[in-house]
């Protein structure tokens, strides 16, 4: 249940926003305004929401990496001790931990991509407004 909520909140939202920001201009302006209002105007612990989410994504990636390395160590110890059933269970746990690590890495990448694409679209909008003013 925890991973489903994590995937929904930390992967689906940035993927949808990135895809919407890549649409043509009229839609892009509305989505950019929505991203501004939601991710840059809302503060959690006196930090903008986008930066808070990125810090949470980095922390979850670090924790999942730690779990993955721990399960790898458990599997190696079980193999050296000759406990095949324990090694098989440790291999399954390692696979799940590795999968979770990749999910966290993709989530972090998508949030960083959203931050960069949003800043680029804001810059393009500013340049368009300056070009119209001239």
C-alpha atoms as a PDB file:
ATOM      1  CA  UNK A   1       0.000   0.000   0.000  1.00  0.00           C
ATOM      2  CA  UNK A   2       2.825   2.393   0.844  1.00  0.00           C
ATOM      3  CA  UNK A   3       4.476   1.992  -2.563  1.00  0.00           C
ATOM      4  CA  UNK A   4       1.195   2.517  -4.392  1.00  0.00           C
ATOM      5  CA  UNK A   5       0.686   5.849  -2.617  1.00  0.00           C
ATOM      6  CA  UNK A   6       4.315   6.784  -3.246  1.00  0.00           C
ATOM      7  CA  UNK A   7       4.038   5.984  -6.954  1.00  0.00           C
ATOM      8  CA  UNK A   8       0.770   7.896  -7.252  1.00  0.00           C
ATOM      9  CA  UNK A   9       2.041  11.001  -5.486  1.00  0.00           C
ATOM     10  CA  UNK A  10       5.651  11.052  -6.559  1.00  0.00           C
ATOM     11  CA  UNK A  11       5.605   9.630 -10.084  1.00  0.00           C
ATOM     12  CA  UNK A  12       2.215  10.097 -11.712  1.00  0.00           C
ATOM     13  CA  UNK A  13       1.876  13.782 -10.822  1.00  0.00           C
ATOM     14  CA  UNK A  14       5.220  14.937 -12.279  1.00  0.00           C
ATOM     15  CA  UNK A  15       4.810  12.744 -15.367  1.00  0.00           C
ATOM     16  CA  UNK A  16       1.398  14.268 -16.089  1.00  0.00           C
ATOM     17  CA  UNK A  17       2.629  17.795 -15.472  1.00  0.00           C
ATOM     18  CA  UNK A  18       5.697  17.289 -17.681  1.00  0.00           C
ATOM     19  CA  UNK A  19       3.531  15.919 -20.479  1.00  0.00           C
ATOM     20  CA  UNK A  20       1.084  18.812 -20.130  1.00  0.00           C
ATOM     21  CA  UNK A  21       3.929  21.342 -20.144  1.00  0.00           C
ATOM     22  CA  UNK A  22       5.104  19.898 -23.451  1.00  0.00           C
ATOM     23  CA  UNK A  23       1.766  20.640 -25.160  1.00  0.00           C
ATOM     24  CA  UNK A  24       1.342  23.680 -27.441  1.00  0.00           C
ATOM     25  CA  UNK A  25       1.139  27.237 -26.163  1.00  0.00           C
ATOM     26  CA  UNK A  26      -2.457  27.844 -24.959  1.00  0.00           C
ATOM     27  CA  UNK A  27      -2.515  24.707 -22.806  1.00  0.00           C
ATOM     28  CA  UNK A  28       1.084  25.231 -21.743  1.00  0.00           C
ATOM     29  CA  UNK A  29       0.338  28.664 -20.283  1.00  0.00           C
ATOM     30  CA  UNK A  30      -2.514  27.328 -18.140  1.00  0.00           C
ATOM     31  CA  UNK A  31      -0.470  24.363 -16.935  1.00  0.00           C
ATOM     32  CA  UNK A  32       2.491  26.603 -16.203  1.00  0.00           C
ATOM     33  CA  UNK A  33       0.232  28.851 -14.147  1.00  0.00           C
ATOM     34  CA  UNK A  34      -1.149  25.787 -12.311  1.00  0.00           C
ATOM     35  CA  UNK A  35       2.384  24.563 -11.564  1.00  0.00           C
ATOM     36  CA  UNK A  36       3.294  28.054 -10.337  1.00  0.00           C
ATOM     37  CA  UNK A  37       0.352  28.200  -7.981  1.00  0.00           C
ATOM     38  CA  UNK A  38       0.565  24.667  -6.634  1.00  0.00           C
ATOM     39  CA  UNK A  39       4.277  23.920  -6.513  1.00  0.00           C
ATOM     40  CA  UNK A  40       5.828  27.336  -5.976  1.00  0.00           C
ATOM     41  CA  UNK A  41       3.243  29.256  -3.921  1.00  0.00           C
ATOM     42  CA  UNK A  42       2.413  26.555  -1.354  1.00  0.00           C
ATOM     43  CA  UNK A  43       4.961  26.341   1.456  1.00  0.00           C
ATOM     44  CA  UNK A  44       5.630  23.443   3.813  1.00  0.00           C
ATOM     45  CA  UNK A  45       7.938  24.205   6.735  1.00  0.00           C
ATOM     46  CA  UNK A  46       8.723  27.567   5.060  1.00  0.00           C
ATOM     47  CA  UNK A  47       9.966  25.722   1.954  1.00  0.00           C
ATOM     48  CA  UNK A  48       8.313  25.738  -1.457  1.00  0.00           C
ATOM     49  CA  UNK A  49       6.389  22.542  -2.130  1.00  0.00           C
ATOM     50  CA  UNK A  50       8.522  21.586  -5.154  1.00  0.00           C
ATOM     51  CA  UNK A  51      11.739  21.706  -3.132  1.00  0.00           C
ATOM     52  CA  UNK A  52      10.140  19.804  -0.259  1.00  0.00           C
ATOM     53  CA  UNK A  53       9.018  17.057  -2.648  1.00  0.00           C
ATOM     54  CA  UNK A  54      12.496  16.888  -4.197  1.00  0.00           C
ATOM     55  CA  UNK A  55      14.074  16.515  -0.740  1.00  0.00           C
ATOM     56  CA  UNK A  56      11.587  13.740   0.103  1.00  0.00           C
ATOM     57  CA  UNK A  57      12.412  12.039  -3.218  1.00  0.00           C
ATOM     58  CA  UNK A  58      16.149  12.234  -2.497  1.00  0.00           C
ATOM     59  CA  UNK A  59      15.606  10.818   0.988  1.00  0.00           C
ATOM     60  CA  UNK A  60      13.443   7.962  -0.302  1.00  0.00           C
ATOM     61  CA  UNK A  61      16.030   7.171  -2.965  1.00  0.00           C
ATOM     62  CA  UNK A  62      18.770   7.073  -0.328  1.00  0.00           C
ATOM     63  CA  UNK A  63      16.719   4.830   1.949  1.00  0.00           C
ATOM     64  CA  UNK A  64      15.789   2.481  -0.871  1.00  0.00           C
ATOM     65  CA  UNK A  65      19.445   2.302  -1.924  1.00  0.00           C
ATOM     66  CA  UNK A  66      20.403   1.451   1.660  1.00  0.00           C
ATOM     67  CA  UNK A  67      17.753  -1.299   1.808  1.00  0.00           C
ATOM     68  CA  UNK A  68      18.890  -2.683  -1.527  1.00  0.00           C
ATOM     69  CA  UNK A  69      22.511  -2.882  -0.393  1.00  0.00           C
ATOM     70  CA  UNK A  70      21.446  -4.479   2.896  1.00  0.00           C
ATOM     71  CA  UNK A  71      19.438  -7.183   1.132  1.00  0.00           C
ATOM     72  CA  UNK A  72      22.377  -7.844  -1.191  1.00  0.00           C
ATOM     73  CA  UNK A  73      24.576  -8.394   1.866  1.00  0.00           C
ATOM     74  CA  UNK A  74      21.966 -10.731   3.399  1.00  0.00           C
ATOM     75  CA  UNK A  75      21.820 -12.774   0.202  1.00  0.00           C
ATOM     76  CA  UNK A  76      25.601 -13.093   0.020  1.00  0.00           C
ATOM     77  CA  UNK A  77      25.842 -14.184   3.660  1.00  0.00           C
ATOM     78  CA  UNK A  78      23.115 -16.801   3.119  1.00  0.00           C
ATOM     79  CA  UNK A  79      24.865 -18.137   0.005  1.00  0.00           C
ATOM     80  CA  UNK A  80      28.192 -18.422   1.822  1.00  0.00           C
ATOM     81  CA  UNK A  81      26.529 -20.270   4.702  1.00  0.00           C
ATOM     82  CA  UNK A  82      24.977 -22.727   2.229  1.00  0.00           C
ATOM     83  CA  UNK A  83      21.395 -21.951   3.219  1.00  0.00           C
ATOM     84  CA  UNK A  84      19.622 -22.187  -0.131  1.00  0.00           C
ATOM     85  CA  UNK A  85      16.094 -21.461   1.106  1.00  0.00           C
ATOM     86  CA  UNK A  86      17.293 -18.402   2.972  1.00  0.00           C
ATOM     87  CA  UNK A  87      19.293 -17.283  -0.073  1.00  0.00           C
ATOM     88  CA  UNK A  88      16.222 -17.644  -2.286  1.00  0.00           C
ATOM     89  CA  UNK A  89      14.124 -15.536   0.087  1.00  0.00           C
ATOM     90  CA  UNK A  90      16.904 -12.963   0.293  1.00  0.00           C
ATOM     91  CA  UNK A  91      17.083 -12.869  -3.517  1.00  0.00           C
ATOM     92  CA  UNK A  92      13.349 -12.088  -3.703  1.00  0.00           C
ATOM     93  CA  UNK A  93      13.752  -9.364  -1.107  1.00  0.00           C
ATOM     94  CA  UNK A  94      16.720  -7.951  -2.987  1.00  0.00           C
ATOM     95  CA  UNK A  95      14.693  -7.890  -6.206  1.00  0.00           C
ATOM     96  CA  UNK A  96      11.881  -5.933  -4.516  1.00  0.00           C
ATOM     97  CA  UNK A  97      14.344  -3.534  -2.931  1.00  0.00           C
ATOM     98  CA  UNK A  98      16.072  -3.020  -6.275  1.00  0.00           C
ATOM     99  CA  UNK A  99      12.739  -2.354  -7.955  1.00  0.00           C
ATOM    100  CA  UNK A 100      11.852   0.187  -5.268  1.00  0.00           C
ATOM    101  CA  UNK A 101      15.231   1.874  -5.736  1.00  0.00           C
ATOM    102  CA  UNK A 102      14.593   2.275  -9.463  1.00  0.00           C
ATOM    103  CA  UNK A 103      11.095   3.639  -8.774  1.00  0.00           C
ATOM    104  CA  UNK A 104      12.559   6.223  -6.391  1.00  0.00           C
ATOM    105  CA  UNK A 105      15.284   7.153  -8.889  1.00  0.00           C
ATOM    106  CA  UNK A 106      12.719   7.641 -11.658  1.00  0.00           C
ATOM    107  CA  UNK A 107      10.537   9.688  -9.345  1.00  0.00           C
ATOM    108  CA  UNK A 108      13.430  11.971  -8.429  1.00  0.00           C
ATOM    109  CA  UNK A 109      14.363  12.333 -12.094  1.00  0.00           C
ATOM    110  CA  UNK A 110      10.807  13.285 -13.043  1.00  0.00           C
ATOM    111  CA  UNK A 111      10.577  15.958 -10.326  1.00  0.00           C
ATOM    112  CA  UNK A 112      13.895  17.431 -11.416  1.00  0.00           C
ATOM    113  CA  UNK A 113      12.764  17.343 -15.054  1.00  0.00           C
ATOM    114  CA  UNK A 114       9.526  19.083 -14.080  1.00  0.00           C
ATOM    115  CA  UNK A 115      11.478  21.798 -12.283  1.00  0.00           C
ATOM    116  CA  UNK A 116      13.757  22.345 -15.298  1.00  0.00           C
ATOM    117  CA  UNK A 117      10.991  22.257 -17.924  1.00  0.00           C
ATOM    118  CA  UNK A 118       8.906  24.669 -15.864  1.00  0.00           C
ATOM    119  CA  UNK A 119      11.801  27.129 -15.614  1.00  0.00           C
ATOM    120  CA  UNK A 120      12.373  26.877 -19.372  1.00  0.00           C
ATOM    121  CA  UNK A 121       8.712  27.489 -20.176  1.00  0.00           C
ATOM    122  CA  UNK A 122       8.677  30.506 -17.836  1.00  0.00           C
ATOM    123  CA  UNK A 123      11.745  31.870 -19.623  1.00  0.00           C
ATOM    124  CA  UNK A 124      10.140  31.350 -23.042  1.00  0.00           C
ATOM    125  CA  UNK A 125       6.969  33.093 -21.829  1.00  0.00           C
ATOM    126  CA  UNK A 126       9.011  36.056 -20.607  1.00  0.00           C
ATOM    127  CA  UNK A 127      10.854  36.284 -23.933  1.00  0.00           C
ATOM    128  CA  UNK A 128       7.556  36.155 -25.843  1.00  0.00           C
ATOM    129  CA  UNK A 129       6.105  38.964 -23.748  1.00  0.00           C
ATOM    130  CA  UNK A 130       9.224  41.071 -24.362  1.00  0.00           C
ATOM    131  CA  UNK A 131       9.049  40.374 -28.098  1.00  0.00           C
ATOM    132  CA  UNK A 132       5.386  41.450 -28.190  1.00  0.00           C
ATOM    133  CA  UNK A 133       6.193  44.642 -26.295  1.00  0.00           C
ATOM    134  CA  UNK A 134       8.751  45.686 -28.899  1.00  0.00           C
END
